[in-house]
PDB file of all heavy atoms in Angstrom:
ATOM      1  N   GLU A   1     -14.930  74.884   7.799  1.00  0.00           N
ATOM      2  CA  GLU A   1     -15.897  74.694   6.742  1.00  0.00           C
ATOM      3  C   GLU A   1     -15.906  73.226   6.376  1.00  0.00           C
ATOM      4  O   GLU A   1     -14.976  72.737   5.821  1.00  0.00           O
ATOM      5  CB  GLU A   1     -15.561  75.541   5.528  1.00  0.00           C
ATOM      6  CG  GLU A   1     -15.649  77.079   5.810  1.00  0.00           C
ATOM      7  CD  GLU A   1     -15.363  77.885   4.577  1.00  0.00           C
ATOM      8  OE1 GLU A   1     -15.443  77.370   3.454  1.00  0.00           O
ATOM      9  OE2 GLU A   1     -14.992  79.042   4.763  1.00  0.00           O
ATOM     10  N   LEU A   2     -16.966  72.561   6.801  1.00  0.00           N
ATOM     11  CA  LEU A   2     -16.995  71.081   6.595  1.00  0.00           C
ATOM     12  C   LEU A   2     -17.989  70.806   5.453  1.00  0.00           C
ATOM     13  O   LEU A   2     -19.088  71.329   5.375  1.00  0.00           O
ATOM     14  CB  LEU A   2     -17.507  70.400   7.899  1.00  0.00           C
ATOM     15  CG  LEU A   2     -16.698  70.674   9.141  1.00  0.00           C
ATOM     16  CD1 LEU A   2     -17.365  70.045  10.341  1.00  0.00           C
ATOM     17  CD2 LEU A   2     -15.283  70.065   8.999  1.00  0.00           C
ATOM     18  N   ASN A   3     -17.620  69.859   4.650  1.00  0.00           N
ATOM     19  CA  ASN A   3     -18.492  69.376   3.628  1.00  0.00           C
ATOM     20  C   ASN A   3     -19.467  68.320   4.275  1.00  0.00           C
ATOM     21  O   ASN A   3     -19.272  67.946   5.447  1.00  0.00           O
ATOM     22  CB  ASN A   3     -17.795  68.852   2.356  1.00  0.00           C
ATOM     23  CG  ASN A   3     -16.919  67.646   2.683  1.00  0.00           C
ATOM     24  OD1 ASN A   3     -17.256  66.872   3.602  1.00  0.00           O
ATOM     25  ND2 ASN A   3     -15.821  67.532   1.971  1.00  0.00           N
ATOM     26  N   ASP A   4     -20.427  67.810   3.520  1.00  0.00           N
ATOM     27  CA  ASP A   4     -21.404  66.878   4.117  1.00  0.00           C
ATOM     28  C   ASP A   4     -20.774  65.610   4.607  1.00  0.00           C
ATOM     29  O   ASP A   4     -21.161  65.092   5.658  1.00  0.00           O
ATOM     30  CB  ASP A   4     -22.504  66.525   3.044  1.00  0.00           C
ATOM     31  CG  ASP A   4     -23.408  67.730   2.743  1.00  0.00           C
ATOM     32  OD1 ASP A   4     -23.436  68.644   3.582  1.00  0.00           O
ATOM     33  OD2 ASP A   4     -23.977  67.789   1.643  1.00  0.00           O
ATOM     34  N   GLU A   5     -19.752  65.135   3.866  1.00  0.00           N
ATOM     35  CA  GLU A   5     -19.097  63.884   4.258  1.00  0.00           C
ATOM     36  C   GLU A   5     -18.380  64.098   5.639  1.00  0.00           C
ATOM     37  O   GLU A   5     -18.374  63.292   6.524  1.00  0.00           O
ATOM     38  CB  GLU A   5     -18.101  63.484   3.219  1.00  0.00           C
ATOM     39  CG  GLU A   5     -17.443  62.138   3.428  1.00  0.00           C
ATOM     40  CD  GLU A   5     -16.553  61.814   2.266  1.00  0.00           C
ATOM     41  OE1 GLU A   5     -17.135  61.577   1.118  1.00  0.00           O
ATOM     42  OE2 GLU A   5     -15.308  61.724   2.470  1.00  0.00           O
ATOM     43  N   GLU A   6     -17.638  65.249   5.756  1.00  0.00           N
ATOM     44  CA  GLU A   6     -16.924  65.572   6.949  1.00  0.00           C
ATOM     45  C   GLU A   6     -17.934  65.783   8.136  1.00  0.00           C
ATOM     46  O   GLU A   6     -17.566  65.447   9.253  1.00  0.00           O
ATOM     47  CB  GLU A   6     -16.029  66.784   6.770  1.00  0.00           C
ATOM     48  CG  GLU A   6     -14.875  66.597   5.785  1.00  0.00           C
ATOM     49  CD  GLU A   6     -14.192  67.876   5.374  1.00  0.00           C
ATOM     50  OE1 GLU A   6     -14.822  68.908   5.335  1.00  0.00           O
ATOM     51  OE2 GLU A   6     -12.963  67.744   5.150  1.00  0.00           O
ATOM     52  N   LYS A   7     -19.039  66.389   7.902  1.00  0.00           N
ATOM     53  CA  LYS A   7     -20.008  66.590   8.948  1.00  0.00           C
ATOM     54  C   LYS A   7     -20.552  65.259   9.455  1.00  0.00           C
ATOM     55  O   LYS A   7     -20.693  65.098  10.713  1.00  0.00           O
ATOM     56  CB  LYS A   7     -21.188  67.429   8.378  1.00  0.00           C
ATOM     57  CG  LYS A   7     -20.895  68.871   8.189  1.00  0.00           C
ATOM     58  CD  LYS A   7     -22.077  69.647   7.644  1.00  0.00           C
ATOM     59  CE  LYS A   7     -21.686  71.027   7.252  1.00  0.00           C
ATOM     60  NZ  LYS A   7     -22.767  71.751   6.636  1.00  0.00           N
ATOM     61  N   GLU A   8     -20.807  64.330   8.610  1.00  0.00           N
ATOM     62  CA  GLU A   8     -21.249  62.977   9.043  1.00  0.00           C
ATOM     63  C   GLU A   8     -20.162  62.274   9.901  1.00  0.00           C
ATOM     64  O   GLU A   8     -20.437  61.673  10.905  1.00  0.00           O
ATOM     65  CB  GLU A   8     -21.686  62.147   7.872  1.00  0.00           C
ATOM     66  CG  GLU A   8     -23.009  62.549   7.254  1.00  0.00           C
ATOM     67  CD  GLU A   8     -24.104  62.553   8.214  1.00  0.00           C
ATOM     68  OE1 GLU A   8     -24.281  61.606   8.990  1.00  0.00           O
ATOM     69  OE2 GLU A   8     -24.898  63.546   8.215  1.00  0.00           O
ATOM     70  N   ALA A   9     -18.933  62.411   9.440  1.00  0.00           N
ATOM     71  CA  ALA A   9     -17.811  61.780  10.178  1.00  0.00           C
ATOM     72  C   ALA A   9     -17.666  62.435  11.545  1.00  0.00           C
ATOM     73  O   ALA A   9     -17.483  61.771  12.556  1.00  0.00           O
ATOM     74  CB  ALA A   9     -16.536  61.848   9.352  1.00  0.00           C
ATOM     75  N   ALA A  10     -17.771  63.791  11.579  1.00  0.00           N
ATOM     76  CA  ALA A  10     -17.669  64.519  12.880  1.00  0.00           C
ATOM     77  C   ALA A  10     -18.832  64.128  13.767  1.00  0.00           C
ATOM     78  O   ALA A  10     -18.647  63.953  14.966  1.00  0.00           O
ATOM     79  CB  ALA A  10     -17.699  65.961  12.594  1.00  0.00           C
ATOM     80  N   LYS A  11     -20.049  63.929  13.229  1.00  0.00           N
ATOM     81  CA  LYS A  11     -21.197  63.571  14.028  1.00  0.00           C
ATOM     82  C   LYS A  11     -20.950  62.186  14.638  1.00  0.00           C
ATOM     83  O   LYS A  11     -21.231  61.976  15.812  1.00  0.00           O
ATOM     84  CB  LYS A  11     -22.462  63.581  13.149  1.00  0.00           C
ATOM     85  CG  LYS A  11     -23.718  63.504  13.979  1.00  0.00           C
ATOM     86  CD  LYS A  11     -24.983  63.291  13.126  1.00  0.00           C
ATOM     87  CE  LYS A  11     -25.135  64.174  11.985  1.00  0.00           C
ATOM     88  NZ  LYS A  11     -26.485  64.019  11.333  1.00  0.00           N
ATOM     89  N   LYS A  12     -20.425  61.296  13.854  1.00  0.00           N
ATOM     90  CA  LYS A  12     -20.177  59.928  14.331  1.00  0.00           C
ATOM     91  C   LYS A  12     -19.095  59.962  15.450  1.00  0.00           C
ATOM     92  O   LYS A  12     -19.215  59.320  16.486  1.00  0.00           O
ATOM     93  CB  LYS A  12     -19.712  59.013  13.210  1.00  0.00           C
ATOM     94  CG  LYS A  12     -19.412  57.619  13.559  1.00  0.00           C
ATOM     95  CD  LYS A  12     -18.971  56.857  12.338  1.00  0.00           C
ATOM     96  CE  LYS A  12     -18.468  55.451  12.664  1.00  0.00           C
ATOM     97  NZ  LYS A  12     -17.018  55.444  13.141  1.00  0.00           N
ATOM     98  N   ASP A  13     -18.008  60.693  15.164  1.00  0.00           N
ATOM     99  CA  ASP A  13     -16.900  60.797  16.145  1.00  0.00           C
ATOM    100  C   ASP A  13     -17.359  61.426  17.457  1.00  0.00           C
ATOM    101  O   ASP A  13     -17.021  60.959  18.514  1.00  0.00           O
ATOM    102  CB  ASP A  13     -15.738  61.610  15.542  1.00  0.00           C
ATOM    103  CG  ASP A  13     -15.026  60.865  14.488  1.00  0.00           C
ATOM    104  OD1 ASP A  13     -15.198  59.617  14.322  1.00  0.00           O
ATOM    105  OD2 ASP A  13     -14.239  61.546  13.719  1.00  0.00           O
ATOM    106  N   MET A  14     -18.127  62.475  17.404  1.00  0.00           N
ATOM    107  CA  MET A  14     -18.576  63.111  18.556  1.00  0.00           C
ATOM    108  C   MET A  14     -19.573  62.245  19.368  1.00  0.00           C
ATOM    109  O   MET A  14     -19.489  62.193  20.651  1.00  0.00           O
ATOM    110  CB  MET A  14     -19.312  64.490  18.236  1.00  0.00           C
ATOM    111  CG  MET A  14     -18.359  65.586  17.862  1.00  0.00           C
ATOM    112  SD  MET A  14     -19.174  67.096  17.433  1.00  0.00           S
ATOM    113  CE  MET A  14     -19.575  67.701  19.093  1.00  0.00           C
ATOM    114  N   SER A  15     -20.398  61.510  18.692  1.00  0.00           N
ATOM    115  CA  SER A  15     -21.275  60.564  19.394  1.00  0.00           C
ATOM    116  C   SER A  15     -20.471  59.483  20.132  1.00  0.00           C
ATOM    117  O   SER A  15     -20.792  59.137  21.254  1.00  0.00           O
ATOM    118  CB  SER A  15     -22.257  59.895  18.382  1.00  0.00           C
ATOM    119  OG  SER A  15     -23.163  60.794  17.868  1.00  0.00           O
ATOM    120  N   GLU A  16     -19.400  58.958  19.485  1.00  0.00           N
ATOM    121  CA  GLU A  16     -18.656  57.947  20.087  1.00  0.00           C
ATOM    122  C   GLU A  16     -17.891  58.535  21.349  1.00  0.00           C
ATOM    123  O   GLU A  16     -17.802  57.870  22.356  1.00  0.00           O
ATOM    124  CB  GLU A  16     -17.600  57.401  19.084  1.00  0.00           C
ATOM    125  CG  GLU A  16     -18.155  56.489  18.035  1.00  0.00           C
ATOM    126  CD  GLU A  16     -17.202  56.041  16.971  1.00  0.00           C
ATOM    127  OE1 GLU A  16     -15.983  56.424  17.086  1.00  0.00           O
ATOM    128  OE2 GLU A  16     -17.621  55.339  16.055  1.00  0.00           O
ATOM    129  N   MET A  17     -17.456  59.732  21.214  1.00  0.00           N
ATOM    130  CA  MET A  17     -16.759  60.375  22.360  1.00  0.00           C
ATOM    131  C   MET A  17     -17.711  60.568  23.545  1.00  0.00           C
ATOM    132  O   MET A  17     -17.361  60.258  24.653  1.00  0.00           O
ATOM    133  CB  MET A  17     -16.165  61.756  21.949  1.00  0.00           C
ATOM    134  CG  MET A  17     -14.900  61.691  21.161  1.00  0.00           C
ATOM    135  SD  MET A  17     -14.205  63.293  20.897  1.00  0.00           S
ATOM    136  CE  MET A  17     -14.901  63.765  19.309  1.00  0.00           C
ATOM    137  N   LEU A  18     -18.920  61.067  23.224  1.00  0.00           N
ATOM    138  CA  LEU A  18     -19.901  61.239  24.286  1.00  0.00           C
ATOM    139  C   LEU A  18     -20.307  59.894  24.877  1.00  0.00           C
ATOM    140  O   LEU A  18     -20.549  59.842  26.103  1.00  0.00           O
ATOM    141  CB  LEU A  18     -21.087  62.033  23.721  1.00  0.00           C
ATOM    142  CG  LEU A  18     -20.800  63.495  23.471  1.00  0.00           C
ATOM    143  CD1 LEU A  18     -22.028  64.155  22.874  1.00  0.00           C
ATOM    144  CD2 LEU A  18     -20.359  64.258  24.718  1.00  0.00           C
ATOM    145  N   ASP A  19     -20.451  58.910  24.111  1.00  0.00           N
ATOM    146  CA  ASP A  19     -20.803  57.596  24.669  1.00  0.00           C
ATOM    147  C   ASP A  19     -19.677  57.075  25.591  1.00  0.00           C
ATOM    148  O   ASP A  19     -19.954  56.512  26.656  1.00  0.00           O
ATOM    149  CB  ASP A  19     -21.035  56.535  23.584  1.00  0.00           C
ATOM    150  CG  ASP A  19     -22.301  56.838  22.753  1.00  0.00           C
ATOM    151  OD1 ASP A  19     -23.179  57.548  23.228  1.00  0.00           O
ATOM    152  OD2 ASP A  19     -22.364  56.318  21.579  1.00  0.00           O
ATOM    153  N   TYR A  20     -18.458  57.339  25.227  1.00  0.00           N
ATOM    154  CA  TYR A  20     -17.332  56.896  26.064  1.00  0.00           C
ATOM    155  C   TYR A  20     -17.364  57.683  27.353  1.00  0.00           C
ATOM    156  O   TYR A  20     -17.136  57.083  28.456  1.00  0.00           O
ATOM    157  CB  TYR A  20     -16.017  57.115  25.295  1.00  0.00           C
ATOM    158  CG  TYR A  20     -14.830  56.645  26.054  1.00  0.00           C
ATOM    159  CD1 TYR A  20     -14.557  55.263  26.139  1.00  0.00           C
ATOM    160  CD2 TYR A  20     -13.954  57.487  26.660  1.00  0.00           C
ATOM    161  CE1 TYR A  20     -13.454  54.829  26.843  1.00  0.00           C
ATOM    162  CE2 TYR A  20     -12.828  57.066  27.359  1.00  0.00           C
ATOM    163  CZ  TYR A  20     -12.583  55.737  27.445  1.00  0.00           C
ATOM    164  OH  TYR A  20     -11.505  55.239  28.124  1.00  0.00           O
ATOM    165  N   VAL A  21     -17.629  58.970  27.306  1.00  0.00           N
ATOM    166  CA  VAL A  21     -17.640  59.802  28.548  1.00  0.00           C
ATOM    167  C   VAL A  21     -18.791  59.426  29.407  1.00  0.00           C
ATOM    168  O   VAL A  21     -18.741  59.373  30.615  1.00  0.00           O
ATOM    169  CB  VAL A  21     -17.681  61.308  28.150  1.00  0.00           C
ATOM    170  CG1 VAL A  21     -17.959  62.133  29.399  1.00  0.00           C
ATOM    171  CG2 VAL A  21     -16.344  61.768  27.509  1.00  0.00           C
ATOM    172  N   ASN A  22     -19.922  59.067  28.772  1.00  0.00           N
ATOM    173  CA  ASN A  22     -21.103  58.631  29.547  1.00  0.00           C
ATOM    174  C   ASN A  22     -20.820  57.365  30.379  1.00  0.00           C
ATOM    175  O   ASN A  22     -21.534  57.067  31.327  1.00  0.00           O
ATOM    176  CB  ASN A  22     -22.330  58.442  28.690  1.00  0.00           C
ATOM    177  CG  ASN A  22     -22.979  59.800  28.367  1.00  0.00           C
ATOM    178  OD1 ASN A  22     -22.910  60.742  29.158  1.00  0.00           O
ATOM    179  ND2 ASN A  22     -23.608  59.898  27.215  1.00  0.00           N
ATOM    180  N   LYS A  23     -19.913  56.593  29.918  1.00  0.00           N
ATOM    181  CA  LYS A  23     -19.538  55.355  30.710  1.00  0.00           C
ATOM    182  C   LYS A  23     -19.062  55.705  32.130  1.00  0.00           C
ATOM    183  O   LYS A  23     -19.128  54.918  33.077  1.00  0.00           O
ATOM    184  CB  LYS A  23     -18.446  54.525  29.986  1.00  0.00           C
ATOM    185  CG  LYS A  23     -18.940  53.787  28.838  1.00  0.00           C
ATOM    186  CD  LYS A  23     -17.840  52.914  28.248  1.00  0.00           C
ATOM    187  CE  LYS A  23     -18.464  52.106  27.148  1.00  0.00           C
ATOM    188  NZ  LYS A  23     -17.602  50.973  26.844  1.00  0.00           N
ATOM    189  N   LEU A  24     -18.550  56.860  32.299  1.00  0.00           N
ATOM    190  CA  LEU A  24     -18.091  57.335  33.623  1.00  0.00           C
ATOM    191  C   LEU A  24     -19.290  57.420  34.586  1.00  0.00           C
ATOM    192  O   LEU A  24     -19.058  57.231  35.832  1.00  0.00           O
ATOM    193  CB  LEU A  24     -17.414  58.660  33.562  1.00  0.00           C
ATOM    194  CG  LEU A  24     -16.087  58.710  32.783  1.00  0.00           C
ATOM    195  CD1 LEU A  24     -15.607  60.117  32.676  1.00  0.00           C
ATOM    196  CD2 LEU A  24     -15.065  57.806  33.398  1.00  0.00           C
ATOM    197  N   ASN A  25     -20.444  57.623  34.086  1.00  0.00           N
ATOM    198  CA  ASN A  25     -21.641  57.621  35.001  1.00  0.00           C
ATOM    199  C   ASN A  25     -21.938  56.243  35.571  1.00  0.00           C
ATOM    200  O   ASN A  25     -22.668  56.211  36.567  1.00  0.00           O
ATOM    201  CB  ASN A  25     -22.889  58.165  34.221  1.00  0.00           C
ATOM    202  CG  ASN A  25     -22.748  59.634  33.854  1.00  0.00           C
ATOM    203  OD1 ASN A  25     -22.132  60.366  34.596  1.00  0.00           O
ATOM    204  ND2 ASN A  25     -23.325  60.022  32.787  1.00  0.00           N
ATOM    205  N   GLU A  26     -21.395  55.221  35.043  1.00  0.00           N
ATOM    206  CA  GLU A  26     -21.639  53.874  35.556  1.00  0.00           C
ATOM    207  C   GLU A  26     -20.790  53.541  36.741  1.00  0.00           C
ATOM    208  O   GLU A  26     -21.028  52.624  37.473  1.00  0.00           O
ATOM    209  CB  GLU A  26     -21.370  52.853  34.431  1.00  0.00           C
ATOM    210  CG  GLU A  26     -22.294  52.968  33.253  1.00  0.00           C
ATOM    211  CD  GLU A  26     -21.875  52.050  32.075  1.00  0.00           C
ATOM    212  OE1 GLU A  26     -20.989  51.196  32.343  1.00  0.00           O
ATOM    213  OE2 GLU A  26     -22.427  52.257  30.944  1.00  0.00           O
ATOM    214  N   LEU A  27     -19.767  54.380  36.974  1.00  0.00           N
ATOM    215  CA  LEU A  27     -18.843  54.116  38.123  1.00  0.00           C
ATOM    216  C   LEU A  27     -19.472  54.541  39.405  1.00  0.00           C
ATOM    217  O   LEU A  27     -20.143  55.550  39.514  1.00  0.00           O
ATOM    218  CB  LEU A  27     -17.523  54.875  37.901  1.00  0.00           C
ATOM    219  CG  LEU A  27     -16.751  54.421  36.670  1.00  0.00           C
ATOM    220  CD1 LEU A  27     -15.527  55.372  36.496  1.00  0.00           C
ATOM    221  CD2 LEU A  27     -16.254  53.039  36.795  1.00  0.00           C
ATOM    222  N   ASP A  28     -19.182  53.768  40.478  1.00  0.00           N
ATOM    223  CA  ASP A  28     -19.611  54.122  41.795  1.00  0.00           C
ATOM    224  C   ASP A  28     -18.481  54.920  42.444  1.00  0.00           C
ATOM    225  O   ASP A  28     -17.426  54.459  42.822  1.00  0.00           O
ATOM    226  CB  ASP A  28     -19.860  52.849  42.665  1.00  0.00           C
ATOM    227  CG  ASP A  28     -20.285  53.181  44.084  1.00  0.00           C
ATOM    228  OD1 ASP A  28     -20.831  54.323  44.258  1.00  0.00           O
ATOM    229  OD2 ASP A  28     -20.028  52.353  44.962  1.00  0.00           O
ATOM    230  N   VAL A  29     -18.716  56.233  42.589  1.00  0.00           N
ATOM    231  CA  VAL A  29     -17.748  57.158  43.158  1.00  0.00           C
ATOM    232  C   VAL A  29     -18.229  57.757  44.484  1.00  0.00           C
ATOM    233  O   VAL A  29     -17.840  58.841  44.894  1.00  0.00           O
ATOM    234  CB  VAL A  29     -17.378  58.274  42.151  1.00  0.00           C
ATOM    235  CG1 VAL A  29     -16.678  57.720  40.931  1.00  0.00           C
ATOM    236  CG2 VAL A  29     -18.596  59.043  41.749  1.00  0.00           C
ATOM    237  N   SER A  30     -19.115  57.025  45.123  1.00  0.00           N
ATOM    238  CA  SER A  30     -19.747  57.551  46.332  1.00  0.00           C
ATOM    239  C   SER A  30     -18.680  57.741  47.487  1.00  0.00           C
ATOM    240  O   SER A  30     -18.813  58.646  48.262  1.00  0.00           O
ATOM    241  CB  SER A  30     -20.843  56.628  46.824  1.00  0.00           C
ATOM    242  OG  SER A  30     -20.378  55.331  47.047  1.00  0.00           O
ATOM    243  N   GLY A  31     -17.672  56.930  47.544  1.00  0.00           N
ATOM    244  CA  GLY A  31     -16.695  57.094  48.592  1.00  0.00           C
ATOM    245  C   GLY A  31     -15.445  57.742  48.191  1.00  0.00           C
ATOM    246  O   GLY A  31     -14.433  57.808  48.943  1.00  0.00           O
ATOM    247  N   VAL A  32     -15.434  58.399  46.988  1.00  0.00           N
ATOM    248  CA  VAL A  32     -14.208  59.022  46.479  1.00  0.00           C
ATOM    249  C   VAL A  32     -14.341  60.515  46.717  1.00  0.00           C
ATOM    250  O   VAL A  32     -15.239  61.205  46.371  1.00  0.00           O
ATOM    251  CB  VAL A  32     -14.045  58.738  44.950  1.00  0.00           C
ATOM    252  CG1 VAL A  32     -12.824  59.430  44.417  1.00  0.00           C
ATOM    253  CG2 VAL A  32     -13.962  57.255  44.711  1.00  0.00           C
ATOM    254  N   GLU A  33     -13.295  61.087  47.356  1.00  0.00           N
ATOM    255  CA  GLU A  33     -13.214  62.504  47.634  1.00  0.00           C
ATOM    256  C   GLU A  33     -12.847  63.255  46.347  1.00  0.00           C
ATOM    257  O   GLU A  33     -11.900  62.857  45.682  1.00  0.00           O
ATOM    258  CB  GLU A  33     -12.224  62.781  48.724  1.00  0.00           C
ATOM    259  CG  GLU A  33     -12.148  64.223  49.134  1.00  0.00           C
ATOM    260  CD  GLU A  33     -11.108  64.438  50.236  1.00  0.00           C
ATOM    261  OE1 GLU A  33     -10.881  63.465  51.009  1.00  0.00           O
ATOM    262  OE2 GLU A  33     -10.505  65.554  50.333  1.00  0.00           O
ATOM    263  N   PRO A  34     -13.601  64.338  46.039  1.00  0.00           N
ATOM    264  CA  PRO A  34     -13.202  65.128  44.833  1.00  0.00           C
ATOM    265  C   PRO A  34     -11.828  65.766  45.010  1.00  0.00           C
ATOM    266  O   PRO A  34     -11.444  66.098  46.133  1.00  0.00           O
ATOM    267  CB  PRO A  34     -14.261  66.220  44.803  1.00  0.00           C
ATOM    268  CG  PRO A  34     -15.378  65.766  45.645  1.00  0.00           C
ATOM    269  CD  PRO A  34     -14.744  64.831  46.689  1.00  0.00           C
ATOM    270  N   MET A  35     -11.076  65.850  43.930  1.00  0.00           N
ATOM    271  CA  MET A  35      -9.770  66.420  44.015  1.00  0.00           C
ATOM    272  C   MET A  35      -9.515  67.231  42.699  1.00  0.00           C
ATOM    273  O   MET A  35     -10.145  67.000  41.667  1.00  0.00           O
ATOM    274  CB  MET A  35      -8.735  65.374  44.171  1.00  0.00           C
ATOM    275  CG  MET A  35      -8.635  64.334  43.079  1.00  0.00           C
ATOM    276  SD  MET A  35      -7.400  63.154  43.568  1.00  0.00           S
ATOM    277  CE  MET A  35      -7.700  61.886  42.319  1.00  0.00           C
ATOM    278  N   SER A  36      -8.572  68.150  42.814  1.00  0.00           N
ATOM    279  CA  SER A  36      -8.294  68.955  41.618  1.00  0.00           C
ATOM    280  C   SER A  36      -7.052  68.443  40.890  1.00  0.00           C
ATOM    281  O   SER A  36      -6.884  68.748  39.742  1.00  0.00           O
ATOM    282  CB  SER A  36      -8.053  70.438  42.017  1.00  0.00           C
ATOM    283  OG  SER A  36      -6.973  70.514  42.887  1.00  0.00           O
ATOM    284  N   HIS A  37      -6.215  67.600  41.520  1.00  0.00           N
ATOM    285  CA  HIS A  37      -5.003  67.082  40.923  1.00  0.00           C
ATOM    286  C   HIS A  37      -4.899  65.579  41.374  1.00  0.00           C
ATOM    287  O   HIS A  37      -5.365  65.205  42.400  1.00  0.00           O
ATOM    288  CB  HIS A  37      -3.797  67.811  41.400  1.00  0.00           C
ATOM    289  CG  HIS A  37      -3.670  69.171  40.915  1.00  0.00           C
ATOM    290  ND1 HIS A  37      -4.690  70.074  40.968  1.00  0.00           N
ATOM    291  CD2 HIS A  37      -2.628  69.900  40.378  1.00  0.00           C
ATOM    292  CE1 HIS A  37      -4.336  71.242  40.500  1.00  0.00           C
ATOM    293  NE2 HIS A  37      -3.070  71.140  40.127  1.00  0.00           N
ATOM    294  N   SER A  38      -4.230  64.822  40.535  1.00  0.00           N
ATOM    295  CA  SER A  38      -4.098  63.433  40.866  1.00  0.00           C
ATOM    296  C   SER A  38      -2.980  63.163  41.903  1.00  0.00           C
ATOM    297  O   SER A  38      -2.890  62.137  42.476  1.00  0.00           O
ATOM    298  CB  SER A  38      -3.838  62.586  39.625  1.00  0.00           C
ATOM    299  OG  SER A  38      -2.707  63.043  38.930  1.00  0.00           O
ATOM    300  N   PHE A  39      -2.101  64.144  42.046  1.00  0.00           N
ATOM    301  CA  PHE A  39      -0.973  64.038  42.992  1.00  0.00           C
ATOM    302  C   PHE A  39      -1.150  65.195  44.017  1.00  0.00           C
ATOM    303  O   PHE A  39      -1.574  66.236  43.738  1.00  0.00           O
ATOM    304  CB  PHE A  39       0.407  64.144  42.345  1.00  0.00           C
ATOM    305  CG  PHE A  39       0.654  63.113  41.329  1.00  0.00           C
ATOM    306  CD1 PHE A  39       0.550  63.280  40.021  1.00  0.00           C
ATOM    307  CD2 PHE A  39       1.031  61.831  41.858  1.00  0.00           C
ATOM    308  CE1 PHE A  39       0.847  62.256  39.115  1.00  0.00           C
ATOM    309  CE2 PHE A  39       1.364  60.771  40.999  1.00  0.00           C
ATOM    310  CZ  PHE A  39       1.225  61.018  39.561  1.00  0.00           C
ATOM    311  N   PRO A  40      -0.678  64.921  45.251  1.00  0.00           N
ATOM    312  CA  PRO A  40      -0.796  66.036  46.252  1.00  0.00           C
ATOM    313  C   PRO A  40       0.090  67.178  45.828  1.00  0.00           C
ATOM    314  O   PRO A  40       1.216  67.009  45.371  1.00  0.00           O
ATOM    315  CB  PRO A  40      -0.337  65.363  47.548  1.00  0.00           C
ATOM    316  CG  PRO A  40       0.294  64.106  47.177  1.00  0.00           C
ATOM    317  CD  PRO A  40      -0.140  63.661  45.835  1.00  0.00           C
ATOM    318  N   ILE A  41      -0.433  68.376  45.937  1.00  0.00           N
ATOM    319  CA  ILE A  41       0.267  69.584  45.564  1.00  0.00           C
ATOM    320  C   ILE A  41       0.704  70.257  46.802  1.00  0.00           C
ATOM    321  O   ILE A  41      -0.106  70.584  47.696  1.00  0.00           O
ATOM    322  CB  ILE A  41      -0.608  70.503  44.670  1.00  0.00           C
ATOM    323  CG1 ILE A  41      -1.033  69.770  43.412  1.00  0.00           C
ATOM    324  CG2 ILE A  41       0.119  71.738  44.373  1.00  0.00           C
ATOM    325  CD1 ILE A  41       0.022  69.513  42.448  1.00  0.00           C
ATOM    326  N   THR A  42       1.976  70.649  46.930  1.00  0.00           N
ATOM    327  CA  THR A  42       2.438  71.466  47.979  1.00  0.00           C
ATOM    328  C   THR A  42       3.215  72.649  47.407  1.00  0.00           C
ATOM    329  O   THR A  42       3.715  72.539  46.278  1.00  0.00           O
ATOM    330  CB  THR A  42       3.365  70.714  48.966  1.00  0.00           C
ATOM    331  OG1 THR A  42       4.492  70.171  48.182  1.00  0.00           O
ATOM    332  CG2 THR A  42       2.658  69.548  49.622  1.00  0.00           C
ATOM    333  N   ASN A  43       3.306  73.740  48.118  1.00  0.00           N
ATOM    334  CA  ASN A  43       3.941  74.913  47.677  1.00  0.00           C
ATOM    335  C   ASN A  43       5.474  74.596  47.679  1.00  0.00           C
ATOM    336  O   ASN A  43       6.026  74.319  48.760  1.00  0.00           O
ATOM    337  CB  ASN A  43       3.627  76.073  48.520  1.00  0.00           C
ATOM    338  CG  ASN A  43       4.206  77.369  47.922  1.00  0.00           C
ATOM    339  OD1 ASN A  43       4.805  77.382  46.944  1.00  0.00           O
ATOM    340  ND2 ASN A  43       3.875  78.488  48.586  1.00  0.00           N
ATOM    341  N   VAL A  44       6.089  74.688  46.575  1.00  0.00           N
ATOM    342  CA  VAL A  44       7.561  74.357  46.494  1.00  0.00           C
ATOM    343  C   VAL A  44       8.376  75.692  46.402  1.00  0.00           C
ATOM    344  O   VAL A  44       9.519  75.649  46.169  1.00  0.00           O
ATOM    345  CB  VAL A  44       7.853  73.485  45.266  1.00  0.00           C
ATOM    346  CG1 VAL A  44       7.242  72.164  45.412  1.00  0.00           C
ATOM    347  CG2 VAL A  44       7.427  74.172  43.960  1.00  0.00           C
TER     348      VAL A  44
END
C-alpha cells in the first residue's frame, strides 16, 4: 500500500532501472554465444 509520495519515488526508481537495462541494447553481441551460466558446468 503506497501513498502518493512513495508511488512517485517508485515510478522514478523503476524508470531509472529500465533506462539502465536498456543500455544493454547498445552492446554489440553479434559474436557472443548465448549461455545459461557464466562458468562451464559439468556434472560433479
